[in-house]
């Protein structure tokens, strides 16, 4: 299905809508039109993946305008936090924060501070400063692992301890206190972006909507048939099959898996979810994990941190009510 930044001219059928979810999470079922409400939908490329917006509202033109505003906020988050643009907050920090403090926006400082909290609570299992190792592996373009000595350079370094987020001349700033530190917010920024898009929809008075950015999803209110949103997790083996389905209402889920960004080499899968202890892709029988939380940034960080780890080892990370594992395979 082509990706477009324009409203769809034709209403998809229920079966078509199941296929709209690109990535690991999809909407398993939906009724497209009721007596008083209809669905406005938009699909765009964003944050290195595909973002789906669905709004339930009586005025489709108004709903599309709200989606446009939410997309603008999502793209703002991407422009600040991508490591692929030298001019972004993260890009500037990665180039210069090892020499001096680099000023960043309040939004980036918020995400970095939250990421460092996750790094602390997981004893480094979640590390937002592992960007050098992530760039080295570059699983989207590699066909074989990097040299072992290059990988060892990033193993068990606890880079997050060398990432300082503070203030400078009255503004937030970032500083690196040791070599080889590199920020990568791929395990948390999408969730923040979803939360920000949802906040914009709420500012527009939208109460029923779905925002799904490449496996980070928030369900607002209820679907057009006045039931909860039904969400499915795609199978790691078959993209046309679901391995789990559950209902969501005013809640977030995020899924991390080894089957979207990877390469296979000599019988082993090398995916994008790195283990900071080894500096290489996490070795595990687990293929994917889905976390439910009250907000998507929490779900995103938790899914990244918990991938490949025994549930008993992660209970203290999630907190008593903050987040919980709803599915793993």
C-alpha atoms as a PDB file:
ATOM      1  CA  UNK A   1       0.000   0.000   0.000  1.00  0.00           C
ATOM      2  CA  UNK A   2       1.517   3.377  -0.929  1.00  0.00           C
ATOM      3  CA  UNK A   3       2.245   5.833   1.840  1.00  0.00           C
ATOM      4  CA  UNK A   4       0.555   9.194   1.435  1.00  0.00           C
ATOM      5  CA  UNK A   5       0.346  12.450   3.341  1.00  0.00           C
ATOM      6  CA  UNK A   6      -3.109  13.166   1.951  1.00  0.00           C
ATOM      7  CA  UNK A   7      -6.539  12.025   3.102  1.00  0.00           C
ATOM      8  CA  UNK A   8      -7.642   8.843   1.394  1.00  0.00           C
ATOM      9  CA  UNK A   9     -10.172   9.435  -1.339  1.00  0.00           C
ATOM     10  CA  UNK A  10     -11.903   6.094  -0.832  1.00  0.00           C
ATOM     11  CA  UNK A  11     -13.080   4.516   2.379  1.00  0.00           C
ATOM     12  CA  UNK A  12     -11.253   1.218   2.938  1.00  0.00           C
ATOM     13  CA  UNK A  13     -13.256  -1.840   3.723  1.00  0.00           C
ATOM     14  CA  UNK A  14     -12.873  -3.586   7.076  1.00  0.00           C
ATOM     15  CA  UNK A  15     -10.452  -6.056   5.523  1.00  0.00           C
ATOM     16  CA  UNK A  16      -8.401  -3.237   3.987  1.00  0.00           C
ATOM     17  CA  UNK A  17      -8.138  -1.517   7.341  1.00  0.00           C
ATOM     18  CA  UNK A  18      -6.548  -4.577   8.904  1.00  0.00           C
ATOM     19  CA  UNK A  19      -3.763  -4.202   6.329  1.00  0.00           C
ATOM     20  CA  UNK A  20      -3.267  -0.500   7.036  1.00  0.00           C
ATOM     21  CA  UNK A  21      -1.206  -1.108  10.157  1.00  0.00           C
ATOM     22  CA  UNK A  22       2.375  -1.188   8.910  1.00  0.00           C
ATOM     23  CA  UNK A  23       4.763  -2.728  11.406  1.00  0.00           C
ATOM     24  CA  UNK A  24       4.174  -4.946  14.388  1.00  0.00           C
ATOM     25  CA  UNK A  25       0.854  -3.514  15.604  1.00  0.00           C
ATOM     26  CA  UNK A  26      -2.359  -3.383  13.589  1.00  0.00           C
ATOM     27  CA  UNK A  27      -5.978  -2.584  14.243  1.00  0.00           C
ATOM     28  CA  UNK A  28      -7.645  -5.957  14.130  1.00  0.00           C
ATOM     29  CA  UNK A  29     -11.177  -4.766  13.426  1.00  0.00           C
ATOM     30  CA  UNK A  30     -13.165  -1.585  12.994  1.00  0.00           C
ATOM     31  CA  UNK A  31     -16.466  -0.352  11.661  1.00  0.00           C
ATOM     32  CA  UNK A  32     -15.827   2.471   9.233  1.00  0.00           C
ATOM     33  CA  UNK A  33     -19.088   4.379   9.459  1.00  0.00           C
ATOM     34  CA  UNK A  34     -21.875   4.663  12.008  1.00  0.00           C
ATOM     35  CA  UNK A  35     -25.054   6.745  11.937  1.00  0.00           C
ATOM     36  CA  UNK A  36     -23.494   9.885  13.447  1.00  0.00           C
ATOM     37  CA  UNK A  37     -19.736   9.352  13.273  1.00  0.00           C
ATOM     38  CA  UNK A  38     -17.203   8.535  10.639  1.00  0.00           C
ATOM     39  CA  UNK A  39     -13.493   7.793  10.567  1.00  0.00           C
ATOM     40  CA  UNK A  40     -10.890  10.150   9.150  1.00  0.00           C
ATOM     41  CA  UNK A  41      -7.615   8.385   8.412  1.00  0.00           C
ATOM     42  CA  UNK A  42      -4.138   9.449   7.301  1.00  0.00           C
ATOM     43  CA  UNK A  43      -0.931   7.467   6.746  1.00  0.00           C
ATOM     44  CA  UNK A  44       2.455   9.188   6.498  1.00  0.00           C
ATOM     45  CA  UNK A  45       6.164   8.341   6.674  1.00  0.00           C
ATOM     46  CA  UNK A  46       7.614   9.574   9.957  1.00  0.00           C
ATOM     47  CA  UNK A  47      10.375   8.772  12.454  1.00  0.00           C
ATOM     48  CA  UNK A  48      11.915   6.155  10.208  1.00  0.00           C
ATOM     49  CA  UNK A  49       8.685   4.201   9.912  1.00  0.00           C
ATOM     50  CA  UNK A  50       5.012   4.689   9.040  1.00  0.00           C
ATOM     51  CA  UNK A  51       2.507   6.602  11.152  1.00  0.00           C
ATOM     52  CA  UNK A  52      -1.236   5.884  11.031  1.00  0.00           C
ATOM     53  CA  UNK A  53      -3.795   8.386  12.345  1.00  0.00           C
ATOM     54  CA  UNK A  54      -7.463   7.514  12.738  1.00  0.00           C
ATOM     55  CA  UNK A  55     -10.006   9.918  14.230  1.00  0.00           C
ATOM     56  CA  UNK A  56     -13.657   9.208  15.037  1.00  0.00           C
ATOM     57  CA  UNK A  57     -15.701  12.388  14.609  1.00  0.00           C
ATOM     58  CA  UNK A  58     -18.955  13.675  13.149  1.00  0.00           C
ATOM     59  CA  UNK A  59     -17.158  16.196  10.906  1.00  0.00           C
ATOM     60  CA  UNK A  60     -14.551  14.583   8.710  1.00  0.00           C
ATOM     61  CA  UNK A  61     -13.119  17.898   7.496  1.00  0.00           C
ATOM     62  CA  UNK A  62     -12.546  19.005  11.081  1.00  0.00           C
ATOM     63  CA  UNK A  63     -11.036  15.630  11.950  1.00  0.00           C
ATOM     64  CA  UNK A  64      -8.604  15.879   9.033  1.00  0.00           C
ATOM     65  CA  UNK A  65      -7.537  19.335  10.215  1.00  0.00           C
ATOM     66  CA  UNK A  66      -6.884  17.922  13.676  1.00  0.00           C
ATOM     67  CA  UNK A  67      -4.805  15.127  12.142  1.00  0.00           C
ATOM     68  CA  UNK A  68      -2.785  17.707  10.198  1.00  0.00           C
ATOM     69  CA  UNK A  69      -1.992  19.527  13.446  1.00  0.00           C
ATOM     70  CA  UNK A  70      -1.030  16.266  15.163  1.00  0.00           C
ATOM     71  CA  UNK A  71       1.254  15.351  12.256  1.00  0.00           C
ATOM     72  CA  UNK A  72       2.993  18.724  12.562  1.00  0.00           C
ATOM     73  CA  UNK A  73       3.737  18.029  16.238  1.00  0.00           C
ATOM     74  CA  UNK A  74       5.019  14.527  15.450  1.00  0.00           C
ATOM     75  CA  UNK A  75       7.322  15.905  12.768  1.00  0.00           C
ATOM     76  CA  UNK A  76       8.584  18.544  15.186  1.00  0.00           C
ATOM     77  CA  UNK A  77       9.588  15.784  17.600  1.00  0.00           C
ATOM     78  CA  UNK A  78      11.331  13.927  14.778  1.00  0.00           C
ATOM     79  CA  UNK A  79      13.212  17.044  13.663  1.00  0.00           C
ATOM     80  CA  UNK A  80      14.559  17.553  17.189  1.00  0.00           C
ATOM     81  CA  UNK A  81      15.444  13.985  18.147  1.00  0.00           C
ATOM     82  CA  UNK A  82      16.638  12.187  15.022  1.00  0.00           C
ATOM     83  CA  UNK A  83      20.328  11.310  15.019  1.00  0.00           C
ATOM     84  CA  UNK A  84      20.394  11.344  11.233  1.00  0.00           C
ATOM     85  CA  UNK A  85      20.190  15.132  10.878  1.00  0.00           C
ATOM     86  CA  UNK A  86      23.273  17.130  11.942  1.00  0.00           C
ATOM     87  CA  UNK A  87      21.080  20.138  12.747  1.00  0.00           C
ATOM     88  CA  UNK A  88      18.745  18.301  15.160  1.00  0.00           C
ATOM     89  CA  UNK A  89      19.246  18.559  18.916  1.00  0.00           C
ATOM     90  CA  UNK A  90      20.593  15.006  18.965  1.00  0.00           C
ATOM     91  CA  UNK A  91      22.735  15.580  15.866  1.00  0.00           C
ATOM     92  CA  UNK A  92      24.329  18.714  17.339  1.00  0.00           C
ATOM     93  CA  UNK A  93      24.919  16.993  20.675  1.00  0.00           C
ATOM     94  CA  UNK A  94      26.570  14.014  19.033  1.00  0.00           C
ATOM     95  CA  UNK A  95      28.923  16.319  17.133  1.00  0.00           C
ATOM     96  CA  UNK A  96      29.848  18.752  19.892  1.00  0.00           C
ATOM     97  CA  UNK A  97      28.761  17.677  23.375  1.00  0.00           C
ATOM     98  CA  UNK A  98      32.044  15.887  23.965  1.00  0.00           C
ATOM     99  CA  UNK A  99      33.792  19.262  23.767  1.00  0.00           C
ATOM    100  CA  UNK A 100      31.337  21.601  25.472  1.00  0.00           C
ATOM    101  CA  UNK A 101      27.736  21.863  26.547  1.00  0.00           C
ATOM    102  CA  UNK A 102      25.202  21.859  23.696  1.00  0.00           C
ATOM    103  CA  UNK A 103      21.898  23.617  24.217  1.00  0.00           C
ATOM    104  CA  UNK A 104      18.775  21.598  23.482  1.00  0.00           C
ATOM    105  CA  UNK A 105      15.061  22.328  23.492  1.00  0.00           C
ATOM    106  CA  UNK A 106      12.894  21.593  26.541  1.00  0.00           C
ATOM    107  CA  UNK A 107      11.251  18.748  24.587  1.00  0.00           C
ATOM    108  CA  UNK A 108      14.558  16.985  23.963  1.00  0.00           C
ATOM    109  CA  UNK A 109      15.683  17.589  27.542  1.00  0.00           C
ATOM    110  CA  UNK A 110      12.446  16.009  28.796  1.00  0.00           C
ATOM    111  CA  UNK A 111      12.957  12.870  26.728  1.00  0.00           C
ATOM    112  CA  UNK A 112      16.644  12.626  27.663  1.00  0.00           C
ATOM    113  CA  UNK A 113      15.846  13.002  31.353  1.00  0.00           C
ATOM    114  CA  UNK A 114      13.175  10.302  31.142  1.00  0.00           C
ATOM    115  CA  UNK A 115      15.555   8.058  29.183  1.00  0.00           C
ATOM    116  CA  UNK A 116      18.219   8.472  31.865  1.00  0.00           C
ATOM    117  CA  UNK A 117      15.669   7.544  34.515  1.00  0.00           C
ATOM    118  CA  UNK A 118      14.972   4.331  32.604  1.00  0.00           C
ATOM    119  CA  UNK A 119      18.704   3.697  32.291  1.00  0.00           C
ATOM    120  CA  UNK A 120      19.099   4.081  36.045  1.00  0.00           C
ATOM    121  CA  UNK A 121      16.147   1.875  36.992  1.00  0.00           C
ATOM    122  CA  UNK A 122      17.264  -0.881  34.581  1.00  0.00           C
ATOM    123  CA  UNK A 123      20.945  -0.640  35.579  1.00  0.00           C
ATOM    124  CA  UNK A 124      21.844   0.250  32.008  1.00  0.00           C
ATOM    125  CA  UNK A 125      19.734  -2.348  30.186  1.00  0.00           C
ATOM    126  CA  UNK A 126      18.143   0.697  28.552  1.00  0.00           C
ATOM    127  CA  UNK A 127      20.894   3.074  27.434  1.00  0.00           C
ATOM    128  CA  UNK A 128      20.082   6.197  25.376  1.00  0.00           C
ATOM    129  CA  UNK A 129      23.800   6.920  24.909  1.00  0.00           C
ATOM    130  CA  UNK A 130      24.595   3.757  22.919  1.00  0.00           C
ATOM    131  CA  UNK A 131      24.371   5.599  19.609  1.00  0.00           C
ATOM    132  CA  UNK A 132      27.918   4.741  18.574  1.00  0.00           C
ATOM    133  CA  UNK A 133      27.225   1.013  18.747  1.00  0.00           C
ATOM    134  CA  UNK A 134      23.894   1.411  16.963  1.00  0.00           C
ATOM    135  CA  UNK A 135      25.601   3.315  14.160  1.00  0.00           C
ATOM    136  CA  UNK A 136      28.319   0.654  13.983  1.00  0.00           C
ATOM    137  CA  UNK A 137      25.792  -2.167  13.558  1.00  0.00           C
ATOM    138  CA  UNK A 138      23.596  -0.239  11.072  1.00  0.00           C
ATOM    139  CA  UNK A 139      21.433  -3.320  10.603  1.00  0.00           C
ATOM    140  CA  UNK A 140      19.373  -1.709   7.862  1.00  0.00           C
ATOM    141  CA  UNK A 141      22.372  -1.740   5.526  1.00  0.00           C
ATOM    142  CA  UNK A 142      24.762  -4.416   6.780  1.00  0.00           C
ATOM    143  CA  UNK A 143      24.853  -8.014   5.610  1.00  0.00           C
ATOM    144  CA  UNK A 144      27.530  -9.201   8.044  1.00  0.00           C
ATOM    145  CA  UNK A 145      28.591  -8.239  11.583  1.00  0.00           C
ATOM    146  CA  UNK A 146      31.202  -5.522  12.167  1.00  0.00           C
ATOM    147  CA  UNK A 147      34.671  -6.552  13.369  1.00  0.00           C
ATOM    148  CA  UNK A 148      34.703  -8.041  16.861  1.00  0.00           C
ATOM    149  CA  UNK A 149      37.224  -5.529  18.205  1.00  0.00           C
ATOM    150  CA  UNK A 150      35.001  -2.656  17.064  1.00  0.00           C
ATOM    151  CA  UNK A 151      32.036  -4.212  18.885  1.00  0.00           C
ATOM    152  CA  UNK A 152      34.044  -4.741  22.095  1.00  0.00           C
ATOM    153  CA  UNK A 153      34.786  -1.020  22.181  1.00  0.00           C
ATOM    154  CA  UNK A 154      31.126  -0.411  23.083  1.00  0.00           C
ATOM    155  CA  UNK A 155      30.509  -3.353  25.421  1.00  0.00           C
ATOM    156  CA  UNK A 156      29.613  -2.802  29.092  1.00  0.00           C
ATOM    157  CA  UNK A 157      30.607   0.869  29.060  1.00  0.00           C
ATOM    158  CA  UNK A 158      27.535   2.248  30.849  1.00  0.00           C
ATOM    159  CA  UNK A 159      27.489   5.226  28.504  1.00  0.00           C
ATOM    160  CA  UNK A 160      24.385   6.708  30.113  1.00  0.00           C
ATOM    161  CA  UNK A 161      26.497   7.607  33.151  1.00  0.00           C
ATOM    162  CA  UNK A 162      28.539   9.904  30.899  1.00  0.00           C
ATOM    163  CA  UNK A 163      25.477  11.713  29.506  1.00  0.00           C
ATOM    164  CA  UNK A 164      24.863  14.866  31.511  1.00  0.00           C
ATOM    165  CA  UNK A 165      21.614  16.775  31.060  1.00  0.00           C
ATOM    166  CA  UNK A 166      21.584  20.084  32.898  1.00  0.00           C
ATOM    167  CA  UNK A 167      21.341  23.798  32.290  1.00  0.00           C
ATOM    168  CA  UNK A 168      23.660  26.362  30.780  1.00  0.00           C
ATOM    169  CA  UNK A 169      22.977  30.084  30.710  1.00  0.00           C
ATOM    170  CA  UNK A 170      19.409  29.433  31.762  1.00  0.00           C
ATOM    171  CA  UNK A 171      18.678  26.820  29.082  1.00  0.00           C
ATOM    172  CA  UNK A 172      18.812  23.032  28.970  1.00  0.00           C
ATOM    173  CA  UNK A 173      22.093  21.641  27.744  1.00  0.00           C
ATOM    174  CA  UNK A 174      23.742  18.275  27.114  1.00  0.00           C
ATOM    175  CA  UNK A 175      27.349  17.315  27.796  1.00  0.00           C
ATOM    176  CA  UNK A 176      29.318  14.083  27.338  1.00  0.00           C
ATOM    177  CA  UNK A 177      31.905  13.270  29.984  1.00  0.00           C
ATOM    178  CA  UNK A 178      33.721  10.404  28.257  1.00  0.00           C
ATOM    179  CA  UNK A 179      34.608   9.356  24.691  1.00  0.00           C
ATOM    180  CA  UNK A 180      32.413   7.210  22.414  1.00  0.00           C
ATOM    181  CA  UNK A 181      29.126   8.511  23.848  1.00  0.00           C
ATOM    182  CA  UNK A 182      26.422   8.968  21.224  1.00  0.00           C
ATOM    183  CA  UNK A 183      22.742   9.706  21.802  1.00  0.00           C
ATOM    184  CA  UNK A 184      20.164   7.499  20.128  1.00  0.00           C
ATOM    185  CA  UNK A 185      16.567   7.964  21.242  1.00  0.00           C
ATOM    186  CA  UNK A 186      15.123   5.260  18.999  1.00  0.00           C
ATOM    187  CA  UNK A 187      13.816   3.367  22.026  1.00  0.00           C
ATOM    188  CA  UNK A 188      11.802   6.227  23.502  1.00  0.00           C
ATOM    189  CA  UNK A 189      11.307   9.174  21.117  1.00  0.00           C
ATOM    190  CA  UNK A 190       8.602   7.476  19.039  1.00  0.00           C
ATOM    191  CA  UNK A 191       6.559   6.959  22.166  1.00  0.00           C
ATOM    192  CA  UNK A 192       7.000  10.601  23.102  1.00  0.00           C
ATOM    193  CA  UNK A 193       6.000  11.611  19.590  1.00  0.00           C
ATOM    194  CA  UNK A 194       2.806   9.555  19.839  1.00  0.00           C
ATOM    195  CA  UNK A 195       1.984  11.180  23.182  1.00  0.00           C
ATOM    196  CA  UNK A 196       2.541  14.619  21.694  1.00  0.00           C
ATOM    197  CA  UNK A 197       0.314  13.850  18.703  1.00  0.00           C
ATOM    198  CA  UNK A 198      -2.391  12.603  21.071  1.00  0.00           C
ATOM    199  CA  UNK A 199      -2.062  15.811  23.117  1.00  0.00           C
ATOM    200  CA  UNK A 200      -2.699  17.872  19.988  1.00  0.00           C
ATOM    201  CA  UNK A 201      -5.793  15.838  19.115  1.00  0.00           C
ATOM    202  CA  UNK A 202      -7.102  16.454  22.619  1.00  0.00           C
ATOM    203  CA  UNK A 203      -6.428  20.184  22.213  1.00  0.00           C
ATOM    204  CA  UNK A 204      -8.705  20.018  19.172  1.00  0.00           C
ATOM    205  CA  UNK A 205     -11.426  18.404  21.260  1.00  0.00           C
ATOM    206  CA  UNK A 206     -10.969  14.933  19.774  1.00  0.00           C
ATOM    207  CA  UNK A 207     -11.889  12.212  22.245  1.00  0.00           C
ATOM    208  CA  UNK A 208     -11.847   9.063  20.082  1.00  0.00           C
ATOM    209  CA  UNK A 209      -8.766   8.346  17.959  1.00  0.00           C
ATOM    210  CA  UNK A 210      -5.904   5.984  17.281  1.00  0.00           C
ATOM    211  CA  UNK A 211      -2.268   6.967  16.696  1.00  0.00           C
ATOM    212  CA  UNK A 212       0.138   4.209  15.641  1.00  0.00           C
ATOM    213  CA  UNK A 213       3.764   5.005  14.806  1.00  0.00           C
ATOM    214  CA  UNK A 214       5.609   1.857  13.807  1.00  0.00           C
ATOM    215  CA  UNK A 215       4.542  -0.287  16.760  1.00  0.00           C
ATOM    216  CA  UNK A 216       4.013   2.502  19.300  1.00  0.00           C
ATOM    217  CA  UNK A 217       0.266   3.010  19.618  1.00  0.00           C
ATOM    218  CA  UNK A 218      -2.164   5.042  21.717  1.00  0.00           C
ATOM    219  CA  UNK A 219      -5.907   4.384  21.679  1.00  0.00           C
ATOM    220  CA  UNK A 220      -8.063   7.374  22.673  1.00  0.00           C
ATOM    221  CA  UNK A 221     -11.573   6.670  23.856  1.00  0.00           C
ATOM    222  CA  UNK A 222     -13.564   4.190  21.786  1.00  0.00           C
ATOM    223  CA  UNK A 223     -13.878   3.134  18.166  1.00  0.00           C
ATOM    224  CA  UNK A 224     -16.643   4.199  15.773  1.00  0.00           C
ATOM    225  CA  UNK A 225     -18.874   1.267  16.789  1.00  0.00           C
ATOM    226  CA  UNK A 226     -18.639   2.496  20.424  1.00  0.00           C
ATOM    227  CA  UNK A 227     -16.547  -0.448  21.530  1.00  0.00           C
ATOM    228  CA  UNK A 228     -12.907  -0.471  22.609  1.00  0.00           C
ATOM    229  CA  UNK A 229     -10.234  -0.407  19.949  1.00  0.00           C
ATOM    230  CA  UNK A 230      -9.159  -3.943  19.024  1.00  0.00           C
ATOM    231  CA  UNK A 231      -5.408  -4.162  18.475  1.00  0.00           C
ATOM    232  CA  UNK A 232      -3.413  -7.093  17.125  1.00  0.00           C
ATOM    233  CA  UNK A 233       0.279  -8.021  17.286  1.00  0.00           C
ATOM    234  CA  UNK A 234       1.659  -9.380  14.050  1.00  0.00           C
ATOM    235  CA  UNK A 235       3.406 -12.725  14.019  1.00  0.00           C
ATOM    236  CA  UNK A 236       7.214 -12.665  13.750  1.00  0.00           C
ATOM    237  CA  UNK A 237       6.901 -15.511  11.258  1.00  0.00           C
ATOM    238  CA  UNK A 238       3.942 -14.441   9.132  1.00  0.00           C
ATOM    239  CA  UNK A 239       3.067 -10.788   8.500  1.00  0.00           C
ATOM    240  CA  UNK A 240      -0.497 -11.795   7.607  1.00  0.00           C
ATOM    241  CA  UNK A 241      -1.139 -13.458  10.969  1.00  0.00           C
ATOM    242  CA  UNK A 242      -1.682 -12.157  14.496  1.00  0.00           C
ATOM    243  CA  UNK A 243      -0.173 -13.757  17.594  1.00  0.00           C
ATOM    244  CA  UNK A 244      -2.198 -11.710  20.079  1.00  0.00           C
ATOM    245  CA  UNK A 245      -5.248  -9.450  20.187  1.00  0.00           C
ATOM    246  CA  UNK A 246      -6.489  -7.217  22.980  1.00  0.00           C
ATOM    247  CA  UNK A 247      -8.831  -4.295  23.639  1.00  0.00           C
ATOM    248  CA  UNK A 248      -7.553  -0.803  24.344  1.00  0.00           C
ATOM    249  CA  UNK A 249      -9.280   2.302  25.641  1.00  0.00           C
ATOM    250  CA  UNK A 250      -7.342   5.406  26.734  1.00  0.00           C
ATOM    251  CA  UNK A 251      -4.129   3.418  26.958  1.00  0.00           C
ATOM    252  CA  UNK A 252      -0.882   2.829  25.081  1.00  0.00           C
ATOM    253  CA  UNK A 253       0.978  -0.221  23.863  1.00  0.00           C
ATOM    254  CA  UNK A 254       4.404  -0.618  22.298  1.00  0.00           C
ATOM    255  CA  UNK A 255       6.009  -3.664  20.745  1.00  0.00           C
ATOM    256  CA  UNK A 256       9.705  -4.382  20.278  1.00  0.00           C
ATOM    257  CA  UNK A 257      10.742  -7.252  18.037  1.00  0.00           C
ATOM    258  CA  UNK A 258      13.600  -8.708  16.032  1.00  0.00           C
ATOM    259  CA  UNK A 259      11.716  -9.047  12.741  1.00  0.00           C
ATOM    260  CA  UNK A 260      11.537  -5.577  11.189  1.00  0.00           C
ATOM    261  CA  UNK A 261      15.116  -4.283  11.305  1.00  0.00           C
ATOM    262  CA  UNK A 262      17.689  -7.048  10.947  1.00  0.00           C
ATOM    263  CA  UNK A 263      19.989  -9.092   8.758  1.00  0.00           C
ATOM    264  CA  UNK A 264      20.720 -12.818   8.930  1.00  0.00           C
ATOM    265  CA  UNK A 265      24.291 -14.090   8.805  1.00  0.00           C
ATOM    266  CA  UNK A 266      25.528 -17.682   9.195  1.00  0.00           C
ATOM    267  CA  UNK A 267      22.314 -18.809  10.853  1.00  0.00           C
ATOM    268  CA  UNK A 268      22.025 -15.970  13.355  1.00  0.00           C
ATOM    269  CA  UNK A 269      19.707 -12.983  13.266  1.00  0.00           C
ATOM    270  CA  UNK A 270      21.319  -9.630  13.975  1.00  0.00           C
ATOM    271  CA  UNK A 271      18.600  -7.112  14.829  1.00  0.00           C
ATOM    272  CA  UNK A 272      18.502  -3.485  15.961  1.00  0.00           C
ATOM    273  CA  UNK A 273      17.871  -4.114  19.672  1.00  0.00           C
ATOM    274  CA  UNK A 274      21.344  -4.039  21.190  1.00  0.00           C
ATOM    275  CA  UNK A 275      22.401  -5.350  24.579  1.00  0.00           C
ATOM    276  CA  UNK A 276      24.534  -2.650  26.245  1.00  0.00           C
ATOM    277  CA  UNK A 277      26.418  -5.354  28.161  1.00  0.00           C
ATOM    278  CA  UNK A 278      27.797  -6.874  24.945  1.00  0.00           C
ATOM    279  CA  UNK A 279      27.504  -4.032  22.427  1.00  0.00           C
ATOM    280  CA  UNK A 280      25.743  -6.384  20.007  1.00  0.00           C
ATOM    281  CA  UNK A 281      22.167  -7.504  19.256  1.00  0.00           C
ATOM    282  CA  UNK A 282      20.478  -9.169  22.218  1.00  0.00           C
ATOM    283  CA  UNK A 283      20.641 -12.957  22.076  1.00  0.00           C
ATOM    284  CA  UNK A 284      17.319 -14.461  23.124  1.00  0.00           C
ATOM    285  CA  UNK A 285      14.611 -16.915  22.144  1.00  0.00           C
ATOM    286  CA  UNK A 286      12.162 -14.023  22.462  1.00  0.00           C
ATOM    287  CA  UNK A 287      10.975 -12.630  19.147  1.00  0.00           C
ATOM    288  CA  UNK A 288       8.770  -9.774  20.369  1.00  0.00           C
ATOM    289  CA  UNK A 289       7.360  -8.205  23.504  1.00  0.00           C
ATOM    290  CA  UNK A 290       4.375  -5.894  23.944  1.00  0.00           C
ATOM    291  CA  UNK A 291       4.006  -3.509  26.883  1.00  0.00           C
ATOM    292  CA  UNK A 292       0.835  -1.711  27.963  1.00  0.00           C
ATOM    293  CA  UNK A 293       1.040   1.593  29.854  1.00  0.00           C
ATOM    294  CA  UNK A 294      -0.888   4.782  30.476  1.00  0.00           C
ATOM    295  CA  UNK A 295       1.340   6.709  28.057  1.00  0.00           C
ATOM    296  CA  UNK A 296       3.278   5.686  24.990  1.00  0.00           C
ATOM    297  CA  UNK A 297       6.709   6.971  26.043  1.00  0.00           C
ATOM    298  CA  UNK A 298       6.607   4.626  29.035  1.00  0.00           C
ATOM    299  CA  UNK A 299       5.439   1.717  26.899  1.00  0.00           C
ATOM    300  CA  UNK A 300       8.151   2.403  24.297  1.00  0.00           C
ATOM    301  CA  UNK A 301      11.022   2.555  26.783  1.00  0.00           C
ATOM    302  CA  UNK A 302       9.747  -0.479  28.684  1.00  0.00           C
ATOM    303  CA  UNK A 303       9.404  -2.594  25.535  1.00  0.00           C
ATOM    304  CA  UNK A 304      12.959  -1.688  24.511  1.00  0.00           C
ATOM    305  CA  UNK A 305      14.389  -2.434  27.958  1.00  0.00           C
ATOM    306  CA  UNK A 306      12.481  -5.675  28.509  1.00  0.00           C
ATOM    307  CA  UNK A 307      13.089  -7.277  25.108  1.00  0.00           C
ATOM    308  CA  UNK A 308      14.981 -10.534  25.456  1.00  0.00           C
ATOM    309  CA  UNK A 309      14.840 -10.611  29.243  1.00  0.00           C
ATOM    310  CA  UNK A 310      12.987 -12.894  31.636  1.00  0.00           C
ATOM    311  CA  UNK A 311       9.825 -11.307  33.075  1.00  0.00           C
ATOM    312  CA  UNK A 312      11.054 -12.044  36.602  1.00  0.00           C
ATOM    313  CA  UNK A 313      14.066  -9.818  35.960  1.00  0.00           C
ATOM    314  CA  UNK A 314      11.998  -6.883  34.752  1.00  0.00           C
ATOM    315  CA  UNK A 315       9.199  -6.584  37.316  1.00  0.00           C
ATOM    316  CA  UNK A 316      11.070  -3.991  39.322  1.00  0.00           C
ATOM    317  CA  UNK A 317      11.659  -1.935  36.196  1.00  0.00           C
ATOM    318  CA  UNK A 318       7.993  -1.613  35.319  1.00  0.00           C
ATOM    319  CA  UNK A 319       6.678  -0.541  38.706  1.00  0.00           C
ATOM    320  CA  UNK A 320       3.488  -1.765  40.401  1.00  0.00           C
ATOM    321  CA  UNK A 321       1.008  -0.060  38.033  1.00  0.00           C
ATOM    322  CA  UNK A 322       3.023   2.020  35.575  1.00  0.00           C
ATOM    323  CA  UNK A 323       3.395  -0.609  32.843  1.00  0.00           C
ATOM    324  CA  UNK A 324       2.921  -4.312  32.306  1.00  0.00           C
ATOM    325  CA  UNK A 325       3.808  -6.996  29.800  1.00  0.00           C
ATOM    326  CA  UNK A 326       0.711  -8.040  27.865  1.00  0.00           C
ATOM    327  CA  UNK A 327       2.343 -10.399  25.394  1.00  0.00           C
ATOM    328  CA  UNK A 328       5.678 -11.910  24.449  1.00  0.00           C
ATOM    329  CA  UNK A 329       6.634 -14.631  22.035  1.00  0.00           C
END
